[in-house]
Structures are given as C-alpha cells and as structure tokens.
Amino acid sequence: MNFMDMTLSEFQSVLSSEDPTPGGGTASAVALGQAGALACMVAKLTLGSNKWESSWPIAHETLTIATPILERAGQLANEDSEAFNEVMQAYRMAKSTDDEKTVRRQAILESTLQATLVPLETAENAVRLLSILPNLAKYGNENAVTDVGVAGLLASAAAKGALFNVKINLGGLDDIQKEQIEPQVQKLTENARTISREIMDIVKSKLD
C-alpha cells in the first residue's frame, strides 16, 4: 500500500480504521511532508518577488534542504507501516522448538530495530527542516510568515510523534542498540523543542 498514491480522503479513511497501520509513525512522516511542502511554497513566493531579492539565497537554501525532505517523507510514511507489519509478523512466527524460538527472537530483534530506525530518520529530517525555518520566517516573504509558522508546527509534531515511536521500541532492542540510539533521541528532542519555540517567537513578533 502506497499512501502517497491515495487521496487525502482515502488516507484519512485508512488512518481512522481499526487496523494498526498506518499509525502514528506514518502520520508523523506525512506531517513532515506537509511541513516540507509549506517551506518550499514560502521559498518560491520569496523567489517570485523582487521585493525579497536580498532573501533569495535563504529561499534557495530552503528549497535545497526542504525538497528532498518532502520527497523522503512520503517514502518514510510507507516504510513506517511496513516496518511495524514486519514486527507483527515476527511475533506470529512459530515458537514450538528451541530452534524456532531462536529464529523468532532474532526476527523480532531485527524488525524492532528497523521499526525504530525509520521514525528516527523521520525525526532527524524534521529537526533538519526546523533548523532552516527561523531564517525563512525572519527574512522570507512576510506575507507568508504564518505559513512558515504552520510548517514549524507540523515539523515539530513530526519530530515529537516520530520520537514517541522510537521510544516505545527501545525496550525491544539490545543494550548496545539502545546505548547508540538513546543519546540521539535526547538530542533530537531538545533541538526540536528549542528550534520550534524560536520559530513561533519569530512568527509572533512579525504578527504583532
């Protein structure tokens, strides 16, 4: 199932169904894509006006960073659901013999790691997108500053939602994997909080 080929109505329908996928991780990736799309829009509106010529370099930088994030977000939306489905399949594997238990245990560990790494990448991309929005809010087309604000809100939600999914899977990883991932989670959490607040402060100052 490719969620990017669905209409908005179709996606909302499957998201609201009783099936566990798509779930919060996929929704977070979709939010990231919407944030990236809004950032691209504001950049293009800035480039489309000579009034904001001094900010064109910032707009170009925004497009350079936001465009691949927008494209990757759609892939992550699909990969998140696929990863969760793999975890569920691993838990359903036979466990009657010691060999089956060993195979099943390894499958669970591998699939859980993948189900952790996908939302971790979503969060990393969300924070990267957030990092370019303060300058876009400050110097981009002022008529679209609220769109930068919404992009910031969506990217922040994408980061925080994805990190929820990382954290819930950490208990299923081995100690070495957890030690590698937990510092990344802490850093991304703090960066998302700090930068999203900065964006909101800039947008509010423009509106006052």
N, C-alpha and C. Protein backbone atom coordinates (compact mmCIF):
# COMPACT_ATOMS: atom_id res chain seq x y z
N MET A 1 0.84 -1.20 0.00
CA MET A 1 0.00 0.00 0.00
C MET A 1 0.88 1.25 0.00
N ASN A 2 0.69 2.09 -1.01
CA ASN A 2 1.46 3.33 -1.10
C ASN A 2 0.56 4.50 -0.69
N PHE A 3 0.84 5.05 0.47
CA PHE A 3 -0.04 6.10 0.99
C PHE A 3 0.04 7.37 0.15
N MET A 4 1.15 7.57 -0.55
CA MET A 4 1.31 8.77 -1.35
C MET A 4 0.47 8.74 -2.63
N ASP A 5 -0.02 7.56 -2.97
CA ASP A 5 -0.89 7.45 -4.15
C ASP A 5 -2.36 7.64 -3.78
N MET A 6 -2.64 7.79 -2.49
CA MET A 6 -4.01 7.94 -2.04
C MET A 6 -4.45 9.40 -2.08
N THR A 7 -5.74 9.60 -2.21
CA THR A 7 -6.28 10.93 -1.98
C THR A 7 -6.24 11.21 -0.48
N LEU A 8 -6.37 12.47 -0.11
CA LEU A 8 -6.39 12.82 1.30
C LEU A 8 -7.52 12.09 2.01
N SER A 9 -8.68 12.03 1.38
CA SER A 9 -9.83 11.35 1.97
C SER A 9 -9.55 9.86 2.18
N GLU A 10 -8.91 9.24 1.20
CA GLU A 10 -8.59 7.81 1.31
C GLU A 10 -7.60 7.56 2.44
N PHE A 11 -6.61 8.43 2.55
CA PHE A 11 -5.61 8.26 3.61
C PHE A 11 -6.26 8.41 4.97
N GLN A 12 -7.09 9.41 5.13
CA GLN A 12 -7.76 9.60 6.41
C GLN A 12 -8.66 8.42 6.75
N SER A 13 -9.23 7.80 5.74
CA SER A 13 -10.09 6.65 5.96
C SER A 13 -9.29 5.46 6.50
N VAL A 14 -8.13 5.18 5.89
CA VAL A 14 -7.34 4.04 6.37
C VAL A 14 -6.70 4.37 7.71
N LEU A 15 -6.39 5.64 7.94
CA LEU A 15 -5.78 6.03 9.21
C LEU A 15 -6.78 5.88 10.36
N SER A 16 -8.05 6.08 10.06
CA SER A 16 -9.08 6.01 11.10
C SER A 16 -9.67 4.61 11.26
N SER A 17 -9.17 3.65 10.49
CA SER A 17 -9.71 2.29 10.56
C SER A 17 -9.22 1.57 11.80
N GLU A 18 -9.70 0.34 12.00
CA GLU A 18 -9.29 -0.45 13.17
C GLU A 18 -7.92 -1.09 12.98
N ASP A 19 -7.35 -1.01 11.79
CA ASP A 19 -6.03 -1.58 11.55
C ASP A 19 -4.95 -0.74 12.23
N PRO A 20 -3.91 -1.39 12.77
CA PRO A 20 -2.86 -0.64 13.45
C PRO A 20 -1.95 0.14 12.51
N THR A 21 -1.98 -0.21 11.23
CA THR A 21 -1.22 0.55 10.24
C THR A 21 -2.15 1.02 9.13
N PRO A 22 -1.96 2.26 8.69
CA PRO A 22 -0.98 3.24 9.16
C PRO A 22 -1.33 3.75 10.56
N GLY A 23 -0.29 4.15 11.29
CA GLY A 23 -0.50 4.69 12.63
C GLY A 23 0.25 5.98 12.83
N GLY A 24 0.66 6.22 14.07
CA GLY A 24 1.28 7.49 14.41
C GLY A 24 2.58 7.76 13.70
N GLY A 25 3.36 6.71 13.45
CA GLY A 25 4.63 6.91 12.75
C GLY A 25 4.43 7.36 11.32
N THR A 26 3.47 6.75 10.65
CA THR A 26 3.15 7.16 9.28
C THR A 26 2.57 8.56 9.27
N ALA A 27 1.69 8.85 10.23
CA ALA A 27 1.10 10.19 10.31
C ALA A 27 2.19 11.24 10.55
N SER A 28 3.19 10.90 11.35
CA SER A 28 4.29 11.83 11.61
C SER A 28 5.07 12.12 10.33
N ALA A 29 5.31 11.08 9.54
CA ALA A 29 6.03 11.27 8.28
C ALA A 29 5.21 12.10 7.31
N VAL A 30 3.91 11.89 7.30
CA VAL A 30 3.04 12.70 6.43
C VAL A 30 3.07 14.16 6.88
N ALA A 31 3.05 14.39 8.20
CA ALA A 31 3.15 15.75 8.71
C ALA A 31 4.47 16.40 8.28
N LEU A 32 5.54 15.61 8.30
CA LEU A 32 6.83 16.12 7.84
C LEU A 32 6.75 16.55 6.38
N GLY A 33 6.10 15.74 5.57
CA GLY A 33 5.95 16.09 4.15
C GLY A 33 5.18 17.38 3.96
N GLN A 34 4.13 17.58 4.74
CA GLN A 34 3.35 18.81 4.63
C GLN A 34 4.17 20.01 5.07
N ALA A 35 4.99 19.82 6.11
CA ALA A 35 5.87 20.90 6.56
C ALA A 35 6.87 21.26 5.47
N GLY A 36 7.43 20.24 4.85
CA GLY A 36 8.38 20.49 3.76
C GLY A 36 7.73 21.19 2.59
N ALA A 37 6.51 20.80 2.29
CA ALA A 37 5.79 21.43 1.17
C ALA A 37 5.53 22.91 1.44
N LEU A 38 5.14 23.24 2.66
CA LEU A 38 4.90 24.64 3.01
C LEU A 38 6.19 25.45 2.96
N ALA A 39 7.29 24.86 3.42
CA ALA A 39 8.57 25.57 3.36
C ALA A 39 8.95 25.86 1.92
N CYS A 40 8.72 24.88 1.04
CA CYS A 40 9.01 25.09 -0.38
C CYS A 40 8.13 26.20 -0.95
N MET A 41 6.87 26.22 -0.55
CA MET A 41 5.96 27.24 -1.05
C MET A 41 6.44 28.64 -0.67
N VAL A 42 6.81 28.82 0.59
CA VAL A 42 7.26 30.13 1.04
C VAL A 42 8.55 30.52 0.33
N ALA A 43 9.43 29.56 0.13
CA ALA A 43 10.67 29.85 -0.59
C ALA A 43 10.38 30.32 -2.00
N LYS A 44 9.44 29.68 -2.66
CA LYS A 44 9.10 30.05 -4.03
C LYS A 44 8.40 31.41 -4.08
N LEU A 45 7.58 31.71 -3.07
CA LEU A 45 6.95 33.02 -3.01
C LEU A 45 7.99 34.12 -2.78
N THR A 46 9.03 33.78 -2.06
CA THR A 46 10.12 34.74 -1.82
C THR A 46 10.91 34.96 -3.11
N LEU A 47 11.20 33.89 -3.82
CA LEU A 47 11.94 33.99 -5.08
C LEU A 47 11.12 34.67 -6.16
N GLY A 48 9.81 34.64 -6.02
CA GLY A 48 8.95 35.21 -7.04
C GLY A 48 8.74 36.70 -6.93
N SER A 49 9.40 37.34 -5.96
CA SER A 49 9.20 38.78 -5.77
C SER A 49 10.55 39.49 -5.64
N ASN A 50 10.74 40.52 -6.45
CA ASN A 50 11.98 41.31 -6.36
C ASN A 50 12.09 42.02 -5.01
N LYS A 51 10.98 42.23 -4.37
CA LYS A 51 10.99 42.89 -3.07
C LYS A 51 11.84 42.14 -2.06
N TRP A 52 11.90 40.81 -2.23
CA TRP A 52 12.63 39.97 -1.28
C TRP A 52 13.93 39.44 -1.88
N GLU A 53 14.49 40.22 -2.82
CA GLU A 53 15.69 39.74 -3.51
C GLU A 53 16.85 39.47 -2.55
N SER A 54 16.96 40.27 -1.51
CA SER A 54 18.05 40.05 -0.54
C SER A 54 17.91 38.72 0.19
N SER A 55 16.72 38.15 0.16
CA SER A 55 16.47 36.88 0.84
C SER A 55 16.47 35.69 -0.10
N TRP A 56 16.76 35.93 -1.36
CA TRP A 56 16.77 34.82 -2.31
C TRP A 56 17.75 33.71 -1.92
N PRO A 57 18.95 34.04 -1.42
CA PRO A 57 19.86 32.95 -1.00
C PRO A 57 19.24 32.05 0.07
N ILE A 58 18.49 32.65 0.99
CA ILE A 58 17.82 31.86 2.02
C ILE A 58 16.74 30.99 1.40
N ALA A 59 16.03 31.55 0.43
CA ALA A 59 14.98 30.79 -0.25
C ALA A 59 15.58 29.61 -1.02
N HIS A 60 16.70 29.86 -1.69
CA HIS A 60 17.36 28.78 -2.42
C HIS A 60 17.83 27.68 -1.46
N GLU A 61 18.39 28.08 -0.33
CA GLU A 61 18.83 27.11 0.66
C GLU A 61 17.66 26.29 1.18
N THR A 62 16.54 26.97 1.39
CA THR A 62 15.34 26.28 1.86
C THR A 62 14.91 25.21 0.88
N LEU A 63 14.88 25.56 -0.40
CA LEU A 63 14.48 24.59 -1.42
C LEU A 63 15.47 23.42 -1.50
N THR A 64 16.75 23.74 -1.36
CA THR A 64 17.77 22.70 -1.43
C THR A 64 17.58 21.67 -0.32
N ILE A 65 17.19 22.13 0.86
CA ILE A 65 17.03 21.24 2.00
C ILE A 65 15.63 20.64 2.06
N ALA A 66 14.61 21.47 1.83
CA ALA A 66 13.23 21.02 2.03
C ALA A 66 12.73 20.08 0.94
N THR A 67 13.19 20.27 -0.30
CA THR A 67 12.68 19.45 -1.40
C THR A 67 12.99 17.97 -1.22
N PRO A 68 14.24 17.58 -0.93
CA PRO A 68 14.49 16.15 -0.70
C PRO A 68 13.81 15.61 0.55
N ILE A 69 13.64 16.47 1.57
CA ILE A 69 12.92 16.03 2.77
C ILE A 69 11.46 15.75 2.42
N LEU A 70 10.87 16.61 1.62
CA LEU A 70 9.50 16.41 1.17
C LEU A 70 9.36 15.07 0.44
N GLU A 71 10.30 14.77 -0.42
CA GLU A 71 10.25 13.52 -1.18
C GLU A 71 10.49 12.32 -0.27
N ARG A 72 11.44 12.43 0.63
CA ARG A 72 11.77 11.32 1.52
C ARG A 72 10.63 11.05 2.50
N ALA A 73 9.92 12.09 2.89
CA ALA A 73 8.83 11.93 3.86
C ALA A 73 7.78 10.94 3.36
N GLY A 74 7.46 11.00 2.10
CA GLY A 74 6.49 10.06 1.54
C GLY A 74 6.97 8.62 1.62
N GLN A 75 8.26 8.43 1.37
CA GLN A 75 8.84 7.09 1.48
C GLN A 75 8.82 6.60 2.92
N LEU A 76 9.14 7.51 3.85
CA LEU A 76 9.15 7.14 5.26
C LEU A 76 7.76 6.78 5.75
N ALA A 77 6.74 7.44 5.22
CA ALA A 77 5.36 7.12 5.60
C ALA A 77 5.06 5.66 5.28
N ASN A 78 5.47 5.22 4.11
CA ASN A 78 5.25 3.82 3.73
C ASN A 78 6.14 2.88 4.53
N GLU A 79 7.41 3.25 4.69
CA GLU A 79 8.36 2.38 5.38
C GLU A 79 7.99 2.18 6.84
N ASP A 80 7.39 3.19 7.45
CA ASP A 80 7.00 3.06 8.85
C ASP A 80 5.95 1.97 9.04
N SER A 81 4.93 2.00 8.19
CA SER A 81 3.90 0.97 8.29
C SER A 81 4.45 -0.41 7.95
N GLU A 82 5.32 -0.47 6.94
CA GLU A 82 5.91 -1.75 6.56
C GLU A 82 6.74 -2.32 7.70
N ALA A 83 7.49 -1.45 8.38
CA ALA A 83 8.34 -1.90 9.48
C ALA A 83 7.50 -2.46 10.63
N PHE A 84 6.41 -1.78 10.95
CA PHE A 84 5.54 -2.26 12.03
C PHE A 84 4.92 -3.61 11.65
N ASN A 85 4.51 -3.74 10.39
CA ASN A 85 3.93 -5.01 9.95
C ASN A 85 4.94 -6.15 10.07
N GLU A 86 6.22 -5.85 9.81
CA GLU A 86 7.26 -6.86 9.94
C GLU A 86 7.41 -7.30 11.40
N VAL A 87 7.29 -6.35 12.32
CA VAL A 87 7.35 -6.70 13.75
C VAL A 87 6.21 -7.64 14.11
N MET A 88 5.02 -7.32 13.65
CA MET A 88 3.86 -8.16 13.95
C MET A 88 4.02 -9.56 13.36
N GLN A 89 4.58 -9.63 12.16
CA GLN A 89 4.80 -10.94 11.54
C GLN A 89 5.82 -11.75 12.32
N ALA A 90 6.84 -11.07 12.83
CA ALA A 90 7.87 -11.75 13.62
C ALA A 90 7.27 -12.36 14.88
N TYR A 91 6.39 -11.61 15.54
CA TYR A 91 5.77 -12.12 16.76
C TYR A 91 4.85 -13.31 16.48
N ARG A 92 4.38 -13.45 15.25
CA ARG A 92 3.49 -14.55 14.91
C ARG A 92 4.25 -15.82 14.50
N MET A 93 5.56 -15.74 14.42
CA MET A 93 6.35 -16.89 13.99
C MET A 93 6.24 -18.04 14.99
N ALA A 94 6.43 -19.24 14.49
CA ALA A 94 6.35 -20.43 15.33
C ALA A 94 7.38 -20.40 16.44
N LYS A 95 7.02 -20.97 17.58
CA LYS A 95 7.92 -20.99 18.73
C LYS A 95 7.77 -22.30 19.52
N SER A 96 7.58 -23.37 18.79
CA SER A 96 7.37 -24.67 19.43
C SER A 96 8.68 -25.32 19.86
N THR A 97 9.73 -25.12 19.07
CA THR A 97 11.02 -25.73 19.38
C THR A 97 12.03 -24.65 19.74
N ASP A 98 13.17 -25.09 20.28
CA ASP A 98 14.22 -24.14 20.64
C ASP A 98 14.75 -23.41 19.40
N ASP A 99 14.88 -24.14 18.31
CA ASP A 99 15.36 -23.52 17.07
C ASP A 99 14.37 -22.47 16.58
N GLU A 100 13.09 -22.80 16.63
CA GLU A 100 12.07 -21.84 16.20
C GLU A 100 12.07 -20.61 17.10
N LYS A 101 12.28 -20.83 18.39
CA LYS A 101 12.33 -19.70 19.32
C LYS A 101 13.52 -18.79 19.03
N THR A 102 14.64 -19.40 18.69
CA THR A 102 15.84 -18.62 18.37
C THR A 102 15.62 -17.79 17.12
N VAL A 103 15.07 -18.41 16.10
CA VAL A 103 14.80 -17.71 14.84
C VAL A 103 13.79 -16.58 15.06
N ARG A 104 12.76 -16.90 15.83
CA ARG A 104 11.73 -15.90 16.12
C ARG A 104 12.31 -14.73 16.90
N ARG A 105 13.12 -15.02 17.90
CA ARG A 105 13.72 -13.97 18.72
C ARG A 105 14.59 -13.03 17.87
N GLN A 106 15.36 -13.61 16.96
CA GLN A 106 16.21 -12.80 16.10
C GLN A 106 15.38 -11.96 15.13
N ALA A 107 14.31 -12.54 14.62
CA ALA A 107 13.43 -11.81 13.70
C ALA A 107 12.77 -10.63 14.41
N ILE A 108 12.37 -10.84 15.65
CA ILE A 108 11.75 -9.76 16.43
C ILE A 108 12.76 -8.64 16.67
N LEU A 109 13.98 -9.02 17.02
CA LEU A 109 15.01 -8.01 17.28
C LEU A 109 15.32 -7.20 16.02
N GLU A 110 15.48 -7.88 14.89
CA GLU A 110 15.81 -7.19 13.65
C GLU A 110 14.67 -6.29 13.18
N SER A 111 13.45 -6.78 13.27
CA SER A 111 12.31 -5.98 12.82
C SER A 111 12.05 -4.81 13.76
N THR A 112 12.26 -5.01 15.05
CA THR A 112 12.09 -3.93 16.01
C THR A 112 13.12 -2.84 15.78
N LEU A 113 14.35 -3.24 15.46
CA LEU A 113 15.38 -2.23 15.15
C LEU A 113 14.97 -1.41 13.94
N GLN A 114 14.47 -2.06 12.90
CA GLN A 114 14.03 -1.32 11.72
C GLN A 114 12.85 -0.41 12.04
N ALA A 115 11.95 -0.90 12.89
CA ALA A 115 10.79 -0.08 13.29
C ALA A 115 11.20 1.08 14.17
N THR A 116 12.41 1.05 14.68
CA THR A 116 12.97 2.16 15.46
C THR A 116 13.71 3.13 14.56
N LEU A 117 14.46 2.60 13.61
CA LEU A 117 15.30 3.44 12.75
C LEU A 117 14.47 4.29 11.78
N VAL A 118 13.33 3.77 11.34
CA VAL A 118 12.52 4.54 10.39
C VAL A 118 11.99 5.83 11.04
N PRO A 119 11.30 5.76 12.19
CA PRO A 119 10.85 7.02 12.80
C PRO A 119 12.02 7.88 13.28
N LEU A 120 13.16 7.26 13.61
CA LEU A 120 14.33 8.06 13.98
C LEU A 120 14.76 8.92 12.80
N GLU A 121 14.72 8.35 11.61
CA GLU A 121 15.06 9.15 10.42
C GLU A 121 14.02 10.24 10.18
N THR A 122 12.75 9.93 10.43
CA THR A 122 11.72 10.95 10.30
C THR A 122 12.02 12.12 11.24
N ALA A 123 12.37 11.81 12.47
CA ALA A 123 12.68 12.86 13.45
C ALA A 123 13.92 13.65 13.04
N GLU A 124 14.93 12.97 12.53
CA GLU A 124 16.15 13.66 12.07
C GLU A 124 15.83 14.64 10.95
N ASN A 125 15.01 14.21 10.01
CA ASN A 125 14.62 15.09 8.90
C ASN A 125 13.77 16.24 9.39
N ALA A 126 12.92 15.97 10.36
CA ALA A 126 12.05 17.03 10.90
C ALA A 126 12.89 18.12 11.56
N VAL A 127 13.88 17.71 12.34
CA VAL A 127 14.73 18.69 13.01
C VAL A 127 15.58 19.44 11.99
N ARG A 128 16.02 18.75 10.97
CA ARG A 128 16.80 19.44 9.91
C ARG A 128 15.93 20.48 9.22
N LEU A 129 14.68 20.14 8.96
CA LEU A 129 13.78 21.11 8.35
C LEU A 129 13.52 22.28 9.30
N LEU A 130 13.29 21.97 10.56
CA LEU A 130 13.08 23.03 11.55
C LEU A 130 14.23 24.01 11.57
N SER A 131 15.44 23.51 11.40
CA SER A 131 16.63 24.35 11.55
C SER A 131 16.72 25.45 10.49
N ILE A 132 16.05 25.28 9.35
CA ILE A 132 16.11 26.32 8.31
C ILE A 132 14.93 27.28 8.39
N LEU A 133 13.95 26.98 9.20
CA LEU A 133 12.74 27.80 9.23
C LEU A 133 12.89 29.14 9.95
N PRO A 134 13.74 29.25 10.99
CA PRO A 134 13.88 30.57 11.61
C PRO A 134 14.30 31.65 10.63
N ASN A 135 15.28 31.39 9.79
CA ASN A 135 15.71 32.38 8.80
C ASN A 135 14.64 32.64 7.76
N LEU A 136 13.91 31.61 7.39
CA LEU A 136 12.82 31.80 6.42
C LEU A 136 11.73 32.68 7.03
N ALA A 137 11.45 32.47 8.31
CA ALA A 137 10.46 33.31 8.99
C ALA A 137 10.94 34.75 9.14
N LYS A 138 12.21 34.93 9.40
CA LYS A 138 12.77 36.28 9.58
C LYS A 138 12.85 37.05 8.27
N TYR A 139 13.33 36.39 7.24
CA TYR A 139 13.74 37.12 6.03
C TYR A 139 12.94 36.75 4.78
N GLY A 140 12.12 35.73 4.84
CA GLY A 140 11.34 35.36 3.67
C GLY A 140 10.17 36.30 3.44
N ASN A 141 9.39 36.00 2.44
CA ASN A 141 8.22 36.81 2.10
C ASN A 141 7.32 36.95 3.32
N GLU A 142 7.19 38.15 3.83
CA GLU A 142 6.44 38.37 5.07
C GLU A 142 4.96 38.04 4.93
N ASN A 143 4.46 38.10 3.71
CA ASN A 143 3.05 37.78 3.51
C ASN A 143 2.75 36.30 3.77
N ALA A 144 3.82 35.49 3.85
CA ALA A 144 3.64 34.05 4.07
C ALA A 144 4.26 33.60 5.38
N VAL A 145 4.48 34.55 6.29
CA VAL A 145 5.15 34.18 7.54
C VAL A 145 4.32 33.19 8.37
N THR A 146 3.00 33.30 8.28
CA THR A 146 2.18 32.34 9.03
C THR A 146 2.31 30.93 8.46
N ASP A 147 2.60 30.84 7.16
CA ASP A 147 2.81 29.53 6.56
C ASP A 147 4.10 28.90 7.08
N VAL A 148 5.10 29.74 7.33
CA VAL A 148 6.32 29.23 7.97
C VAL A 148 5.98 28.73 9.37
N GLY A 149 5.12 29.48 10.06
CA GLY A 149 4.70 29.06 11.39
C GLY A 149 4.01 27.71 11.38
N VAL A 150 3.14 27.51 10.41
CA VAL A 150 2.44 26.21 10.31
C VAL A 150 3.44 25.12 9.95
N ALA A 151 4.39 25.43 9.07
CA ALA A 151 5.43 24.46 8.73
C ALA A 151 6.20 24.07 9.99
N GLY A 152 6.48 25.05 10.83
CA GLY A 152 7.18 24.77 12.08
C GLY A 152 6.36 23.89 13.01
N LEU A 153 5.08 24.16 13.10
CA LEU A 153 4.20 23.35 13.95
C LEU A 153 4.14 21.90 13.45
N LEU A 154 4.01 21.76 12.14
CA LEU A 154 3.92 20.42 11.56
C LEU A 154 5.24 19.66 11.70
N ALA A 155 6.36 20.35 11.47
CA ALA A 155 7.66 19.70 11.60
C ALA A 155 7.92 19.32 13.05
N SER A 156 7.51 20.18 13.97
CA SER A 156 7.65 19.87 15.39
C SER A 156 6.81 18.66 15.76
N ALA A 157 5.59 18.61 15.28
CA ALA A 157 4.73 17.45 15.54
C ALA A 157 5.32 16.19 14.93
N ALA A 158 5.89 16.32 13.74
CA ALA A 158 6.52 15.17 13.08
C ALA A 158 7.67 14.64 13.92
N ALA A 159 8.50 15.55 14.41
CA ALA A 159 9.65 15.15 15.23
C ALA A 159 9.20 14.47 16.52
N LYS A 160 8.29 15.12 17.22
CA LYS A 160 7.85 14.58 18.51
C LYS A 160 7.08 13.28 18.35
N GLY A 161 6.24 13.21 17.33
CA GLY A 161 5.48 11.99 17.10
C GLY A 161 6.39 10.83 16.71
N ALA A 162 7.35 11.11 15.84
CA ALA A 162 8.28 10.06 15.44
C ALA A 162 9.10 9.58 16.63
N LEU A 163 9.51 10.51 17.48
CA LEU A 163 10.31 10.13 18.65
C LEU A 163 9.50 9.30 19.64
N PHE A 164 8.20 9.53 19.72
CA PHE A 164 7.34 8.65 20.52
C PHE A 164 7.51 7.20 20.05
N ASN A 165 7.50 7.04 18.72
CA ASN A 165 7.59 5.70 18.15
C ASN A 165 8.97 5.09 18.35
N VAL A 166 10.00 5.92 18.35
CA VAL A 166 11.35 5.43 18.65
C VAL A 166 11.39 4.93 20.10
N LYS A 167 10.89 5.75 21.00
CA LYS A 167 10.98 5.41 22.43
C LYS A 167 10.21 4.14 22.78
N ILE A 168 9.07 3.95 22.17
CA ILE A 168 8.27 2.78 22.52
C ILE A 168 8.93 1.48 22.06
N ASN A 169 9.83 1.60 21.07
CA ASN A 169 10.51 0.42 20.56
C ASN A 169 11.84 0.14 21.25
N LEU A 170 12.34 1.10 22.01
CA LEU A 170 13.66 0.94 22.62
C LEU A 170 13.73 -0.28 23.54
N GLY A 171 12.63 -0.58 24.22
CA GLY A 171 12.61 -1.72 25.12
C GLY A 171 12.81 -3.05 24.44
N GLY A 172 12.59 -3.09 23.13
CA GLY A 172 12.75 -4.34 22.38
C GLY A 172 14.12 -4.49 21.75
N LEU A 173 15.02 -3.54 22.01
CA LEU A 173 16.37 -3.59 21.43
C LEU A 173 17.35 -4.14 22.45
N ASP A 174 18.52 -4.54 21.97
CA ASP A 174 19.55 -4.98 22.90
C ASP A 174 20.25 -3.76 23.49
N ASP A 175 21.08 -3.97 24.50
CA ASP A 175 21.69 -2.86 25.24
C ASP A 175 22.57 -2.00 24.35
N ILE A 176 23.31 -2.61 23.45
CA ILE A 176 24.21 -1.85 22.57
C ILE A 176 23.41 -0.94 21.66
N GLN A 177 22.33 -1.46 21.09
CA GLN A 177 21.49 -0.65 20.21
C GLN A 177 20.87 0.52 20.96
N LYS A 178 20.39 0.24 22.17
CA LYS A 178 19.79 1.31 22.98
C LYS A 178 20.81 2.39 23.32
N GLU A 179 22.02 1.98 23.66
CA GLU A 179 23.05 2.95 24.01
C GLU A 179 23.42 3.84 22.82
N GLN A 180 23.27 3.32 21.62
CA GLN A 180 23.57 4.10 20.42
C GLN A 180 22.45 5.07 20.08
N ILE A 181 21.22 4.65 20.33
CA ILE A 181 20.07 5.43 19.89
C ILE A 181 19.59 6.45 20.92
N GLU A 182 19.65 6.11 22.20
CA GLU A 182 19.11 6.99 23.23
C GLU A 182 19.73 8.39 23.22
N PRO A 183 21.04 8.55 23.07
CA PRO A 183 21.58 9.92 23.01
C PRO A 183 21.05 10.72 21.81
N GLN A 184 20.82 10.03 20.70
CA GLN A 184 20.25 10.70 19.53
C GLN A 184 18.84 11.19 19.82
N VAL A 185 18.08 10.36 20.53
CA VAL A 185 16.71 10.74 20.89
C VAL A 185 16.71 11.97 21.78
N GLN A 186 17.59 11.99 22.76
CA GLN A 186 17.67 13.13 23.68
C GLN A 186 18.04 14.41 22.94
N LYS A 187 19.02 14.30 22.05
CA LYS A 187 19.46 15.48 21.31
C LYS A 187 18.37 15.99 20.37
N LEU A 188 17.72 15.09 19.67
CA LEU A 188 16.66 15.49 18.74
C LEU A 188 15.48 16.10 19.49
N THR A 189 15.15 15.54 20.64
CA THR A 189 14.05 16.07 21.45
C THR A 189 14.33 17.50 21.87
N GLU A 190 15.53 17.75 22.35
CA GLU A 190 15.88 19.09 22.81
C GLU A 190 15.96 20.07 21.64
N ASN A 191 16.55 19.66 20.54
CA ASN A 191 16.65 20.55 19.37
C ASN A 191 15.28 20.89 18.82
N ALA A 192 14.40 19.89 18.74
CA ALA A 192 13.05 20.16 18.23
C ALA A 192 12.33 21.15 19.12
N ARG A 193 12.47 21.00 20.42
CA ARG A 193 11.81 21.90 21.36
C ARG A 193 12.36 23.33 21.23
N THR A 194 13.66 23.45 21.18
CA THR A 194 14.29 24.77 21.14
C THR A 194 14.00 25.51 19.84
N ILE A 195 14.17 24.80 18.72
CA ILE A 195 14.00 25.47 17.42
C ILE A 195 12.54 25.79 17.15
N SER A 196 11.64 24.89 17.51
CA SER A 196 10.22 25.17 17.27
C SER A 196 9.77 26.38 18.07
N ARG A 197 10.29 26.55 19.28
CA ARG A 197 9.95 27.72 20.08
C ARG A 197 10.50 28.99 19.42
N GLU A 198 11.71 28.90 18.89
CA GLU A 198 12.30 30.05 18.20
C GLU A 198 11.45 30.46 17.01
N ILE A 199 10.99 29.49 16.25
CA ILE A 199 10.16 29.79 15.08
C ILE A 199 8.88 30.48 15.51
N MET A 200 8.23 29.96 16.53
CA MET A 200 6.98 30.56 16.99
C MET A 200 7.20 31.99 17.48
N ASP A 201 8.30 32.23 18.17
CA ASP A 201 8.59 33.58 18.65
C ASP A 201 8.79 34.55 17.50
N ILE A 202 9.46 34.10 16.46
CA ILE A 202 9.69 34.97 15.30
C ILE A 202 8.37 35.28 14.61
N VAL A 203 7.57 34.24 14.40
CA VAL A 203 6.28 34.45 13.71
C VAL A 203 5.39 35.39 14.50
N LYS A 204 5.33 35.20 15.81
CA LYS A 204 4.51 36.07 16.65
C LYS A 204 5.00 37.52 16.61
N SER A 205 6.31 37.69 16.60
CA SER A 205 6.87 39.05 16.54
C SER A 205 6.52 39.73 15.23
N LYS A 206 6.43 38.97 14.14
CA LYS A 206 6.06 39.52 12.84
C LYS A 206 4.59 39.93 12.81
N LEU A 207 3.79 39.25 13.60
CA LEU A 207 2.35 39.50 13.59
C LEU A 207 1.96 40.64 14.54
N ASP A 208 2.81 40.92 15.51
CA ASP A 208 2.49 41.97 16.49
C ASP A 208 2.67 43.38 15.89
